Amino acid sequence: MFKKQLASVAHQPEQTDLQMAADQLGNILLGKELKVQLSLACMVAGGHLLIEDVPGVGKTTLAQALGITMGLPWNRLQFTSDLLPADVIGVSIFDSNKSEFEFKPGPVFTSILLADEINRAPPKAQSALLEAMEENQVSIDGKTMKLPEHFFVIATQNPADNMGAYPLPESQLDRFLVAIDLGYPDAKTERDLLRNGGMRHQIQDLKAIVDGSMLSHWQQSAKKITLSDNILDYLQSLIAESRNPQRLTGGLRGLSPRAGLNLLEMAKAWALLQDRSMLLPEDIQAVFPSVAGHRIAGDVKRGHKIAKALLDDVAVNRS
């Protein structure tokens, strides 16, 4: 039986730190508390984040603020139409003094890579990130090189129908644990922005709230979140319904077993942010559109709508 209650364990220090991180991010991206929490939960779950929307709504601002708040080394790479794979992972250059090739690492050799407008680069440059995102390593000249323990890609992209955009292939979309859109601000928030100016100038004043050891502790805490058989029944029902042949029209796809594992990981991270030690249906419902949408439809906004409709059609057994 599901119980709507907070964890019976004592309040742990990481909860305060998690809230501080969420508050700092919320002060930069006004009126987007849900998207901020989803972004933070994605990093606690150890996944990669894709932010899709039209230019000018705060995608890069959120990505930069996340990088600083997490207190980890980070690089920013602007994806352009002439970007080459070597611009992402690095290149070997012949050193005449040593008579040998020396590897010059690219921006991917960092903890957090802010990949700005990832779908403006051609497919070869996009694919340079695939191995790094999946295996936490890159292969260069027949050699395998490990990336830092905490390696996250925070990518922004413009809608696929924008001029000069290359839609990400399914294989790369699936590498992103979470895909969100930010949307336009509400009237009050936009009024504040118009009156006081944008928030990007405040990024330089942000401070690092997290470090690598704290992030590792959060990730271990999230893995210890308990779940019941009823929760697994509910999760499996959602996955099964996504594969219903009657739903798979217009190029839609059912969720894979890996997507189910991703949903569980993300739901546990969300529960940790809510200061709970037990998984509830609400945790799965909160993260389902952002984890499942882009996998079902290949388009973030359309996928979110379809995922929300799927949630409406699958009942929760609370008996």
C-alpha atoms as a PDB file:
ATOM      1  CA  MET A   1       0.000   0.000   0.000  1.00  0.00           C
ATOM      2  CA  PHE A   2       1.323   3.425  -0.908  1.00  0.00           C
ATOM      3  CA  LYS A   3       1.816   5.829   1.989  1.00  0.00           C
ATOM      4  CA  LYS A   4       1.995   9.544   1.429  1.00  0.00           C
ATOM      5  CA  GLN A   5       4.424  10.407   4.157  1.00  0.00           C
ATOM      6  CA  LEU A   6       7.876  11.820   4.547  1.00  0.00           C
ATOM      7  CA  ALA A   7      10.764   9.555   5.330  1.00  0.00           C
ATOM      8  CA  SER A   8      10.898   8.348   8.900  1.00  0.00           C
ATOM      9  CA  VAL A   9      14.657   8.762   8.905  1.00  0.00           C
ATOM     10  CA  ALA A  10      16.198  11.858  10.413  1.00  0.00           C
ATOM     11  CA  HIS A  11      16.563  14.864   8.136  1.00  0.00           C
ATOM     12  CA  GLN A  12      19.914  14.502   6.428  1.00  0.00           C
ATOM     13  CA  PRO A  13      22.350  17.314   5.630  1.00  0.00           C
ATOM     14  CA  GLU A  14      22.243  16.703   1.893  1.00  0.00           C
ATOM     15  CA  GLN A  15      18.596  17.757   1.807  1.00  0.00           C
ATOM     16  CA  THR A  16      19.544  21.262   2.915  1.00  0.00           C
ATOM     17  CA  ASP A  17      22.299  21.386   0.297  1.00  0.00           C
ATOM     18  CA  LEU A  18      19.928  20.126  -2.379  1.00  0.00           C
ATOM     19  CA  GLN A  19      17.416  22.820  -1.523  1.00  0.00           C
ATOM     20  CA  MET A  20      20.143  25.485  -1.537  1.00  0.00           C
ATOM     21  CA  ALA A  21      21.184  24.377  -5.012  1.00  0.00           C
ATOM     22  CA  ALA A  22      17.578  24.401  -6.228  1.00  0.00           C
ATOM     23  CA  ASP A  23      16.981  27.852  -4.703  1.00  0.00           C
ATOM     24  CA  GLN A  24      20.083  29.317  -6.358  1.00  0.00           C
ATOM     25  CA  LEU A  25      19.060  27.964  -9.735  1.00  0.00           C
ATOM     26  CA  GLY A  26      15.491  29.161  -9.210  1.00  0.00           C
ATOM     27  CA  ASN A  27      16.738  32.697  -8.597  1.00  0.00           C
ATOM     28  CA  ILE A  28      18.386  32.675 -12.015  1.00  0.00           C
ATOM     29  CA  LEU A  29      15.588  31.005 -13.989  1.00  0.00           C
ATOM     30  CA  LEU A  30      12.513  32.742 -12.622  1.00  0.00           C
ATOM     31  CA  GLY A  31       9.148  31.004 -12.663  1.00  0.00           C
ATOM     32  CA  LYS A  32      10.559  27.621 -13.753  1.00  0.00           C
ATOM     33  CA  GLU A  33      10.763  25.730 -10.458  1.00  0.00           C
ATOM     34  CA  LEU A  34       9.675  22.395 -11.970  1.00  0.00           C
ATOM     35  CA  LYS A  35      12.241  22.575 -14.775  1.00  0.00           C
ATOM     36  CA  VAL A  36      14.968  23.544 -12.311  1.00  0.00           C
ATOM     37  CA  GLN A  37      14.180  20.576 -10.063  1.00  0.00           C
ATOM     38  CA  LEU A  38      14.069  18.201 -13.030  1.00  0.00           C
ATOM     39  CA  SER A  39      17.485  19.459 -14.142  1.00  0.00           C
ATOM     40  CA  LEU A  40      18.959  19.005 -10.688  1.00  0.00           C
ATOM     41  CA  ALA A  41      17.413  15.535 -10.303  1.00  0.00           C
ATOM     42  CA  CYS A  42      18.910  14.569 -13.671  1.00  0.00           C
ATOM     43  CA  MET A  43      22.402  15.281 -12.377  1.00  0.00           C
ATOM     44  CA  VAL A  44      21.725  13.434  -9.114  1.00  0.00           C
ATOM     45  CA  ALA A  45      20.609  10.466 -11.219  1.00  0.00           C
ATOM     46  CA  GLY A  46      23.871  10.661 -13.161  1.00  0.00           C
ATOM     47  CA  GLY A  47      22.256  11.385 -16.522  1.00  0.00           C
ATOM     48  CA  HIS A  48      22.638  13.869 -19.349  1.00  0.00           C
ATOM     49  CA  LEU A  49      20.254  16.794 -19.870  1.00  0.00           C
ATOM     50  CA  LEU A  50      18.774  18.166 -23.093  1.00  0.00           C
ATOM     51  CA  ILE A  51      17.068  21.561 -23.058  1.00  0.00           C
ATOM     52  CA  GLU A  52      15.017  22.347 -26.171  1.00  0.00           C
ATOM     53  CA  ASP A  53      13.234  25.560 -26.997  1.00  0.00           C
ATOM     54  CA  VAL A  54      13.261  28.636 -29.170  1.00  0.00           C
ATOM     55  CA  PRO A  55      16.163  31.084 -28.768  1.00  0.00           C
ATOM     56  CA  GLY A  56      15.999  33.573 -25.932  1.00  0.00           C
ATOM     57  CA  VAL A  57      14.039  31.719 -23.233  1.00  0.00           C
ATOM     58  CA  GLY A  58      16.973  30.903 -20.943  1.00  0.00           C
ATOM     59  CA  LYS A  59      18.383  27.560 -22.165  1.00  0.00           C
ATOM     60  CA  THR A  60      22.033  28.594 -22.020  1.00  0.00           C
ATOM     61  CA  THR A  61      21.485  30.560 -18.808  1.00  0.00           C
ATOM     62  CA  LEU A  62      20.154  27.450 -17.047  1.00  0.00           C
ATOM     63  CA  ALA A  63      22.979  25.311 -18.418  1.00  0.00           C
ATOM     64  CA  GLN A  64      25.653  27.756 -17.233  1.00  0.00           C
ATOM     65  CA  ALA A  65      24.019  28.157 -13.813  1.00  0.00           C
ATOM     66  CA  LEU A  66      23.903  24.373 -13.382  1.00  0.00           C
ATOM     67  CA  GLY A  67      27.578  24.082 -14.219  1.00  0.00           C
ATOM     68  CA  ILE A  68      28.621  26.693 -11.663  1.00  0.00           C
ATOM     69  CA  THR A  69      26.257  25.486  -8.935  1.00  0.00           C
ATOM     70  CA  MET A  70      27.531  21.912  -9.158  1.00  0.00           C
ATOM     71  CA  GLY A  71      31.056  23.127  -8.384  1.00  0.00           C
ATOM     72  CA  LEU A  72      32.708  20.905 -10.990  1.00  0.00           C
ATOM     73  CA  PRO A  73      35.117  21.809 -13.810  1.00  0.00           C
ATOM     74  CA  TRP A  74      33.163  22.690 -16.921  1.00  0.00           C
ATOM     75  CA  ASN A  75      33.657  23.716 -20.526  1.00  0.00           C
ATOM     76  CA  ARG A  76      31.319  25.310 -22.987  1.00  0.00           C
ATOM     77  CA  LEU A  77      31.299  24.286 -26.637  1.00  0.00           C
ATOM     78  CA  GLN A  78      29.302  26.225 -29.197  1.00  0.00           C
ATOM     79  CA  PHE A  79      28.087  23.782 -31.841  1.00  0.00           C
ATOM     80  CA  THR A  80      28.211  25.335 -35.296  1.00  0.00           C
ATOM     81  CA  SER A  81      27.658  24.168 -38.851  1.00  0.00           C
ATOM     82  CA  ASP A  82      31.412  23.784 -39.455  1.00  0.00           C
ATOM     83  CA  LEU A  83      32.229  21.928 -36.215  1.00  0.00           C
ATOM     84  CA  LEU A  84      34.390  18.812 -36.617  1.00  0.00           C
ATOM     85  CA  PRO A  85      34.611  15.734 -34.347  1.00  0.00           C
ATOM     86  CA  ALA A  86      38.175  16.753 -33.460  1.00  0.00           C
ATOM     87  CA  ASP A  87      36.806  20.042 -32.136  1.00  0.00           C
ATOM     88  CA  VAL A  88      34.853  17.997 -29.590  1.00  0.00           C
ATOM     89  CA  ILE A  89      37.181  15.201 -28.484  1.00  0.00           C
ATOM     90  CA  GLY A  90      40.601  16.580 -29.422  1.00  0.00           C
ATOM     91  CA  VAL A  91      43.334  15.856 -31.928  1.00  0.00           C
ATOM     92  CA  SER A  92      46.835  14.352 -32.079  1.00  0.00           C
ATOM     93  CA  ILE A  93      49.520  16.799 -33.250  1.00  0.00           C
ATOM     94  CA  PHE A  94      53.020  15.809 -34.281  1.00  0.00           C
ATOM     95  CA  ASP A  95      55.689  17.256 -32.000  1.00  0.00           C
ATOM     96  CA  SER A  96      58.846  17.622 -34.106  1.00  0.00           C
ATOM     97  CA  ASN A  97      61.023  18.107 -31.018  1.00  0.00           C
ATOM     98  CA  LYS A  98      59.944  14.785 -29.512  1.00  0.00           C
ATOM     99  CA  SER A  99      59.381  13.092 -32.883  1.00  0.00           C
ATOM    100  CA  GLU A 100      56.033  11.787 -31.686  1.00  0.00           C
ATOM    101  CA  PHE A 101      52.377  12.638 -31.748  1.00  0.00           C
ATOM    102  CA  GLU A 102      50.990  14.494 -28.751  1.00  0.00           C
ATOM    103  CA  PHE A 103      47.293  14.436 -27.950  1.00  0.00           C
ATOM    104  CA  LYS A 104      45.605  17.772 -27.362  1.00  0.00           C
ATOM    105  CA  PRO A 105      42.385  17.056 -25.428  1.00  0.00           C
ATOM    106  CA  GLY A 106      39.194  18.725 -26.581  1.00  0.00           C
ATOM    107  CA  PRO A 107      36.427  20.337 -24.508  1.00  0.00           C
ATOM    108  CA  VAL A 108      34.881  16.924 -23.753  1.00  0.00           C
ATOM    109  CA  PHE A 109      37.624  16.264 -21.190  1.00  0.00           C
ATOM    110  CA  THR A 110      35.857  17.947 -18.304  1.00  0.00           C
ATOM    111  CA  SER A 111      33.205  17.145 -15.707  1.00  0.00           C
ATOM    112  CA  ILE A 112      30.396  19.211 -17.197  1.00  0.00           C
ATOM    113  CA  LEU A 113      30.198  19.957 -20.907  1.00  0.00           C
ATOM    114  CA  LEU A 114      27.767  22.669 -21.931  1.00  0.00           C
ATOM    115  CA  ALA A 115      26.963  21.769 -25.533  1.00  0.00           C
ATOM    116  CA  ASP A 116      25.232  24.877 -26.824  1.00  0.00           C
ATOM    117  CA  GLU A 117      22.851  24.493 -29.801  1.00  0.00           C
ATOM    118  CA  ILE A 118      23.926  20.900 -30.336  1.00  0.00           C
ATOM    119  CA  ASN A 119      21.624  20.415 -33.312  1.00  0.00           C
ATOM    120  CA  ARG A 120      23.281  23.174 -35.337  1.00  0.00           C
ATOM    121  CA  ALA A 121      26.307  20.929 -35.881  1.00  0.00           C
ATOM    122  CA  PRO A 122      26.347  18.272 -38.626  1.00  0.00           C
ATOM    123  CA  PRO A 123      25.741  14.625 -37.657  1.00  0.00           C
ATOM    124  CA  LYS A 124      29.440  13.673 -37.552  1.00  0.00           C
ATOM    125  CA  ALA A 125      30.155  16.281 -34.904  1.00  0.00           C
ATOM    126  CA  GLN A 126      27.047  15.274 -32.957  1.00  0.00           C
ATOM    127  CA  SER A 127      28.068  11.623 -33.006  1.00  0.00           C
ATOM    128  CA  ALA A 128      31.450  12.487 -31.503  1.00  0.00           C
ATOM    129  CA  LEU A 129      29.633  12.776 -28.190  1.00  0.00           C
ATOM    130  CA  LEU A 130      27.925   9.364 -28.368  1.00  0.00           C
ATOM    131  CA  GLU A 131      30.666   7.201 -26.883  1.00  0.00           C
ATOM    132  CA  ALA A 132      31.502   9.834 -24.283  1.00  0.00           C
ATOM    133  CA  MET A 133      27.892  10.046 -23.105  1.00  0.00           C
ATOM    134  CA  GLU A 134      27.309   6.303 -23.004  1.00  0.00           C
ATOM    135  CA  GLU A 135      30.665   4.883 -21.915  1.00  0.00           C
ATOM    136  CA  ASN A 136      32.303   7.829 -20.118  1.00  0.00           C
ATOM    137  CA  GLN A 137      35.274   7.452 -22.454  1.00  0.00           C
ATOM    138  CA  VAL A 138      36.447   8.339 -25.950  1.00  0.00           C
ATOM    139  CA  SER A 139      38.521   6.389 -28.473  1.00  0.00           C
ATOM    140  CA  ILE A 140      41.249   8.249 -30.348  1.00  0.00           C
ATOM    141  CA  ASP A 141      43.853   6.737 -32.674  1.00  0.00           C
ATOM    142  CA  GLY A 142      43.020   3.269 -31.394  1.00  0.00           C
ATOM    143  CA  LYS A 143      43.417   4.296 -27.747  1.00  0.00           C
ATOM    144  CA  THR A 144      40.677   4.540 -25.138  1.00  0.00           C
ATOM    145  CA  MET A 145      40.770   7.534 -22.809  1.00  0.00           C
ATOM    146  CA  LYS A 146      38.640   7.805 -19.702  1.00  0.00           C
ATOM    147  CA  LEU A 147      36.685  10.933 -18.891  1.00  0.00           C
ATOM    148  CA  PRO A 148      36.274  12.331 -15.347  1.00  0.00           C
ATOM    149  CA  GLU A 149      34.158  10.316 -12.901  1.00  0.00           C
ATOM    150  CA  HIS A 150      31.390  12.907 -12.973  1.00  0.00           C
ATOM    151  CA  PHE A 151      30.849  13.585 -16.650  1.00  0.00           C
ATOM    152  CA  PHE A 152      27.630  15.299 -17.637  1.00  0.00           C
ATOM    153  CA  VAL A 153      26.477  16.768 -20.908  1.00  0.00           C
ATOM    154  CA  ILE A 154      24.063  19.665 -20.611  1.00  0.00           C
ATOM    155  CA  ALA A 155      22.972  20.325 -24.177  1.00  0.00           C
ATOM    156  CA  THR A 156      20.698  22.978 -25.604  1.00  0.00           C
ATOM    157  CA  GLN A 157      18.974  22.750 -28.948  1.00  0.00           C
ATOM    158  CA  ASN A 158      16.573  24.782 -31.017  1.00  0.00           C
ATOM    159  CA  PRO A 159      13.390  23.170 -32.391  1.00  0.00           C
ATOM    160  CA  ALA A 160      14.093  20.952 -35.405  1.00  0.00           C
ATOM    161  CA  ASP A 161      12.016  23.159 -37.716  1.00  0.00           C
ATOM    162  CA  ASN A 162      14.349  26.129 -37.128  1.00  0.00           C
ATOM    163  CA  MET A 163      16.554  27.067 -40.061  1.00  0.00           C
ATOM    164  CA  GLY A 164      19.946  25.333 -39.967  1.00  0.00           C
ATOM    165  CA  ALA A 165      18.997  22.725 -37.358  1.00  0.00           C
ATOM    166  CA  TYR A 166      19.916  19.045 -37.726  1.00  0.00           C
ATOM    167  CA  PRO A 167      17.475  16.794 -35.804  1.00  0.00           C
ATOM    168  CA  LEU A 168      19.280  14.528 -33.348  1.00  0.00           C
ATOM    169  CA  PRO A 169      19.067  10.842 -34.312  1.00  0.00           C
ATOM    170  CA  GLU A 170      17.245   8.386 -32.046  1.00  0.00           C
ATOM    171  CA  SER A 171      20.537   6.892 -30.838  1.00  0.00           C
ATOM    172  CA  GLN A 172      21.696  10.254 -29.525  1.00  0.00           C
ATOM    173  CA  LEU A 173      18.336  11.329 -28.120  1.00  0.00           C
ATOM    174  CA  ASP A 174      18.288   8.121 -26.082  1.00  0.00           C
ATOM    175  CA  ARG A 175      21.592   9.127 -24.445  1.00  0.00           C
ATOM    176  CA  PHE A 176      19.810  12.002 -22.688  1.00  0.00           C
ATOM    177  CA  LEU A 177      18.183  10.890 -19.467  1.00  0.00           C
ATOM    178  CA  VAL A 178      16.017  14.011 -19.368  1.00  0.00           C
ATOM    179  CA  ALA A 179      14.744  16.359 -22.080  1.00  0.00           C
ATOM    180  CA  ILE A 180      12.836  19.493 -21.116  1.00  0.00           C
ATOM    181  CA  ASP A 181      11.507  22.616 -22.752  1.00  0.00           C
ATOM    182  CA  LEU A 182      11.402  25.907 -20.890  1.00  0.00           C
ATOM    183  CA  GLY A 183       8.575  27.761 -22.586  1.00  0.00           C
ATOM    184  CA  TYR A 184       7.811  31.450 -22.375  1.00  0.00           C
ATOM    185  CA  PRO A 185       7.607  33.082 -18.929  1.00  0.00           C
ATOM    186  CA  ASP A 186       4.268  33.877 -17.370  1.00  0.00           C
ATOM    187  CA  ALA A 187       3.058  37.471 -17.446  1.00  0.00           C
ATOM    188  CA  LYS A 188       4.300  38.375 -13.948  1.00  0.00           C
ATOM    189  CA  THR A 189       7.761  36.890 -14.494  1.00  0.00           C
ATOM    190  CA  GLU A 190       8.098  38.582 -17.870  1.00  0.00           C
ATOM    191  CA  ARG A 191       7.065  41.870 -16.302  1.00  0.00           C
ATOM    192  CA  ASP A 192       9.839  41.495 -13.724  1.00  0.00           C
ATOM    193  CA  LEU A 193      12.344  40.679 -16.473  1.00  0.00           C
ATOM    194  CA  LEU A 194      11.334  43.737 -18.467  1.00  0.00           C
ATOM    195  CA  ARG A 195      11.546  45.943 -15.402  1.00  0.00           C
ATOM    196  CA  ASN A 196      14.803  44.585 -13.967  1.00  0.00           C
ATOM    197  CA  GLY A 197      16.575  43.144 -16.992  1.00  0.00           C
ATOM    198  CA  GLY A 198      17.581  39.545 -17.679  1.00  0.00           C
ATOM    199  CA  MET A 199      19.232  37.297 -15.120  1.00  0.00           C
ATOM    200  CA  ARG A 200      22.261  36.215 -17.160  1.00  0.00           C
ATOM    201  CA  HIS A 201      24.382  39.023 -15.711  1.00  0.00           C
ATOM    202  CA  GLN A 202      23.908  37.465 -12.248  1.00  0.00           C
ATOM    203  CA  ILE A 203      25.598  34.204 -13.260  1.00  0.00           C
ATOM    204  CA  GLN A 204      29.005  35.672 -12.446  1.00  0.00           C
ATOM    205  CA  ASP A 205      27.838  36.120  -8.844  1.00  0.00           C
ATOM    206  CA  LEU A 206      26.796  32.491  -8.378  1.00  0.00           C
ATOM    207  CA  LYS A 207      28.748  30.283  -6.025  1.00  0.00           C
ATOM    208  CA  ALA A 208      29.495  26.593  -6.096  1.00  0.00           C
ATOM    209  CA  ILE A 209      27.204  24.805  -3.637  1.00  0.00           C
ATOM    210  CA  VAL A 210      28.140  21.235  -4.557  1.00  0.00           C
ATOM    211  CA  ASP A 211      31.406  19.372  -5.062  1.00  0.00           C
ATOM    212  CA  GLY A 212      32.276  15.960  -6.428  1.00  0.00           C
ATOM    213  CA  SER A 213      32.148  14.128  -3.098  1.00  0.00           C
ATOM    214  CA  MET A 214      28.785  15.659  -2.188  1.00  0.00           C
ATOM    215  CA  LEU A 215      27.347  14.749  -5.571  1.00  0.00           C
ATOM    216  CA  SER A 216      28.560  11.162  -5.143  1.00  0.00           C
ATOM    217  CA  HIS A 217      26.878  11.063  -1.735  1.00  0.00           C
ATOM    218  CA  TRP A 218      23.593  12.274  -3.225  1.00  0.00           C
ATOM    219  CA  GLN A 219      23.788   9.644  -5.933  1.00  0.00           C
ATOM    220  CA  GLN A 220      24.357   6.876  -3.398  1.00  0.00           C
ATOM    221  CA  SER A 221      21.482   8.192  -1.267  1.00  0.00           C
ATOM    222  CA  ALA A 222      19.155   8.149  -4.283  1.00  0.00           C
ATOM    223  CA  LYS A 223      20.004   4.500  -4.982  1.00  0.00           C
ATOM    224  CA  LYS A 224      18.863   3.599  -1.456  1.00  0.00           C
ATOM    225  CA  ILE A 225      15.344   4.944  -1.997  1.00  0.00           C
ATOM    226  CA  THR A 226      13.029   1.994  -1.407  1.00  0.00           C
ATOM    227  CA  LEU A 227      10.162   0.905  -3.639  1.00  0.00           C
ATOM    228  CA  SER A 228       7.274  -1.527  -3.348  1.00  0.00           C
ATOM    229  CA  ASP A 229       5.923  -4.136  -5.730  1.00  0.00           C
ATOM    230  CA  ASN A 230       2.981  -1.825  -6.398  1.00  0.00           C
ATOM    231  CA  ILE A 231       5.360   0.842  -7.661  1.00  0.00           C
ATOM    232  CA  LEU A 232       6.982  -1.669  -9.994  1.00  0.00           C
ATOM    233  CA  ASP A 233       3.524  -2.752 -11.191  1.00  0.00           C
ATOM    234  CA  TYR A 234       2.667   0.868 -11.974  1.00  0.00           C
ATOM    235  CA  LEU A 235       5.954   1.474 -13.770  1.00  0.00           C
ATOM    236  CA  GLN A 236       5.563  -1.681 -15.850  1.00  0.00           C
ATOM    237  CA  SER A 237       1.989  -0.719 -16.728  1.00  0.00           C
ATOM    238  CA  LEU A 238       3.212   2.626 -18.085  1.00  0.00           C
ATOM    239  CA  ILE A 239       5.942   0.960 -20.117  1.00  0.00           C
ATOM    240  CA  ALA A 240       3.547  -1.670 -21.487  1.00  0.00           C
ATOM    241  CA  GLU A 241       0.969   0.954 -22.450  1.00  0.00           C
ATOM    242  CA  SER A 242       3.661   2.932 -24.312  1.00  0.00           C
ATOM    243  CA  ARG A 243       4.110  -0.183 -26.486  1.00  0.00           C
ATOM    244  CA  ASN A 244       0.405  -0.558 -27.200  1.00  0.00           C
ATOM    245  CA  PRO A 245       0.142  -0.949 -31.016  1.00  0.00           C
ATOM    246  CA  GLN A 246      -2.817   1.430 -31.039  1.00  0.00           C
ATOM    247  CA  ARG A 247      -0.514   4.182 -29.726  1.00  0.00           C
ATOM    248  CA  LEU A 248       2.377   3.499 -32.091  1.00  0.00           C
ATOM    249  CA  THR A 249       1.194   5.605 -35.011  1.00  0.00           C
ATOM    250  CA  GLY A 250       2.830   8.546 -36.722  1.00  0.00           C
ATOM    251  CA  GLY A 251       6.346   7.351 -35.995  1.00  0.00           C
ATOM    252  CA  LEU A 252       5.859   6.948 -32.238  1.00  0.00           C
ATOM    253  CA  ARG A 253       7.974   4.367 -30.396  1.00  0.00           C
ATOM    254  CA  GLY A 254       7.416   2.288 -27.289  1.00  0.00           C
ATOM    255  CA  LEU A 255       9.733   2.602 -24.308  1.00  0.00           C
ATOM    256  CA  SER A 256      12.717   0.256 -24.179  1.00  0.00           C
ATOM    257  CA  PRO A 257      13.877  -1.697 -21.105  1.00  0.00           C
ATOM    258  CA  ARG A 258      16.679   0.868 -20.716  1.00  0.00           C
ATOM    259  CA  ALA A 259      14.095   3.631 -20.643  1.00  0.00           C
ATOM    260  CA  GLY A 260      12.354   1.793 -17.785  1.00  0.00           C
ATOM    261  CA  LEU A 261      15.593   1.696 -15.816  1.00  0.00           C
ATOM    262  CA  ASN A 262      16.131   5.383 -16.536  1.00  0.00           C
ATOM    263  CA  LEU A 263      12.632   6.179 -15.271  1.00  0.00           C
ATOM    264  CA  LEU A 264      13.345   4.368 -12.019  1.00  0.00           C
ATOM    265  CA  GLU A 265      16.696   6.127 -11.517  1.00  0.00           C
ATOM    266  CA  MET A 266      15.185   9.534 -12.192  1.00  0.00           C
ATOM    267  CA  ALA A 267      12.166   8.893  -9.954  1.00  0.00           C
ATOM    268  CA  LYS A 268      14.487   7.964  -7.081  1.00  0.00           C
ATOM    269  CA  ALA A 269      16.486  11.157  -7.572  1.00  0.00           C
ATOM    270  CA  TRP A 270      13.217  13.127  -7.581  1.00  0.00           C
ATOM    271  CA  ALA A 271      12.124  11.442  -4.343  1.00  0.00           C
ATOM    272  CA  LEU A 272      15.440  12.444  -2.750  1.00  0.00           C
ATOM    273  CA  LEU A 273      14.807  16.065  -3.722  1.00  0.00           C
ATOM    274  CA  GLN A 274      11.401  15.799  -2.051  1.00  0.00           C
ATOM    275  CA  ASP A 275      13.065  14.508   1.150  1.00  0.00           C
ATOM    276  CA  ARG A 276      11.522  11.047   0.938  1.00  0.00           C
ATOM    277  CA  SER A 277      13.084   7.631   1.468  1.00  0.00           C
ATOM    278  CA  MET A 278      10.260   5.719  -0.247  1.00  0.00           C
ATOM    279  CA  LEU A 279       9.180   5.966  -3.870  1.00  0.00           C
ATOM    280  CA  LEU A 280       5.606   7.107  -4.539  1.00  0.00           C
ATOM    281  CA  PRO A 281       3.547   7.095  -7.753  1.00  0.00           C
ATOM    282  CA  GLU A 282       3.800  10.894  -7.720  1.00  0.00           C
ATOM    283  CA  ASP A 283       7.569  10.632  -8.121  1.00  0.00           C
ATOM    284  CA  ILE A 284       7.198   8.603 -11.311  1.00  0.00           C
ATOM    285  CA  GLN A 285       4.473  10.909 -12.604  1.00  0.00           C
ATOM    286  CA  ALA A 286       6.609  14.005 -11.968  1.00  0.00           C
ATOM    287  CA  VAL A 287       9.516  12.781 -14.087  1.00  0.00           C
ATOM    288  CA  PHE A 288       7.709  10.631 -16.664  1.00  0.00           C
ATOM    289  CA  PRO A 289       7.166  13.259 -19.407  1.00  0.00           C
ATOM    290  CA  SER A 290      10.759  14.513 -19.281  1.00  0.00           C
ATOM    291  CA  VAL A 291      12.256  10.991 -19.345  1.00  0.00           C
ATOM    292  CA  ALA A 292       9.811   9.289 -21.718  1.00  0.00           C
ATOM    293  CA  GLY A 293       8.631  12.061 -24.051  1.00  0.00           C
ATOM    294  CA  HIS A 294      11.660  12.418 -26.334  1.00  0.00           C
ATOM    295  CA  ARG A 295      12.038   8.630 -26.500  1.00  0.00           C
ATOM    296  CA  ILE A 296       8.416   8.147 -27.544  1.00  0.00           C
ATOM    297  CA  ALA A 297       8.157  10.910 -30.134  1.00  0.00           C
ATOM    298  CA  GLY A 298      11.671  12.157 -30.896  1.00  0.00           C
ATOM    299  CA  ASP A 299      10.332  15.675 -30.352  1.00  0.00           C
ATOM    300  CA  VAL A 300      10.431  17.139 -26.862  1.00  0.00           C
ATOM    301  CA  LYS A 301       7.228  19.211 -26.759  1.00  0.00           C
ATOM    302  CA  ARG A 302       5.137  16.722 -28.710  1.00  0.00           C
ATOM    303  CA  GLY A 303       6.564  13.870 -26.639  1.00  0.00           C
ATOM    304  CA  HIS A 304       5.645  15.598 -23.384  1.00  0.00           C
ATOM    305  CA  LYS A 305       2.007  15.905 -24.471  1.00  0.00           C
ATOM    306  CA  ILE A 306       1.855  12.241 -25.475  1.00  0.00           C
ATOM    307  CA  ALA A 307       3.518  11.132 -22.230  1.00  0.00           C
ATOM    308  CA  LYS A 308       1.048  13.166 -20.158  1.00  0.00           C
ATOM    309  CA  ALA A 309      -1.864  11.590 -22.037  1.00  0.00           C
ATOM    310  CA  LEU A 310      -0.374   8.160 -21.332  1.00  0.00           C
ATOM    311  CA  LEU A 311      -0.211   9.005 -17.619  1.00  0.00           C
ATOM    312  CA  ASP A 312      -3.903   9.904 -17.707  1.00  0.00           C
ATOM    313  CA  ASP A 313      -4.760   6.523 -19.240  1.00  0.00           C
ATOM    314  CA  VAL A 314      -2.886   4.301 -16.780  1.00  0.00           C
ATOM    315  CA  ALA A 315      -4.527   3.998 -13.388  1.00  0.00           C
ATOM    316  CA  VAL A 316      -2.627   3.778 -10.114  1.00  0.00           C
ATOM    317  CA  ASN A 317      -3.539   0.800  -7.974  1.00  0.00           C
ATOM    318  CA  ARG A 318      -3.357   2.095  -4.408  1.00  0.00           C
ATOM    319  CA  SER A 319      -4.891  -0.966  -2.779  1.00  0.00           C
END
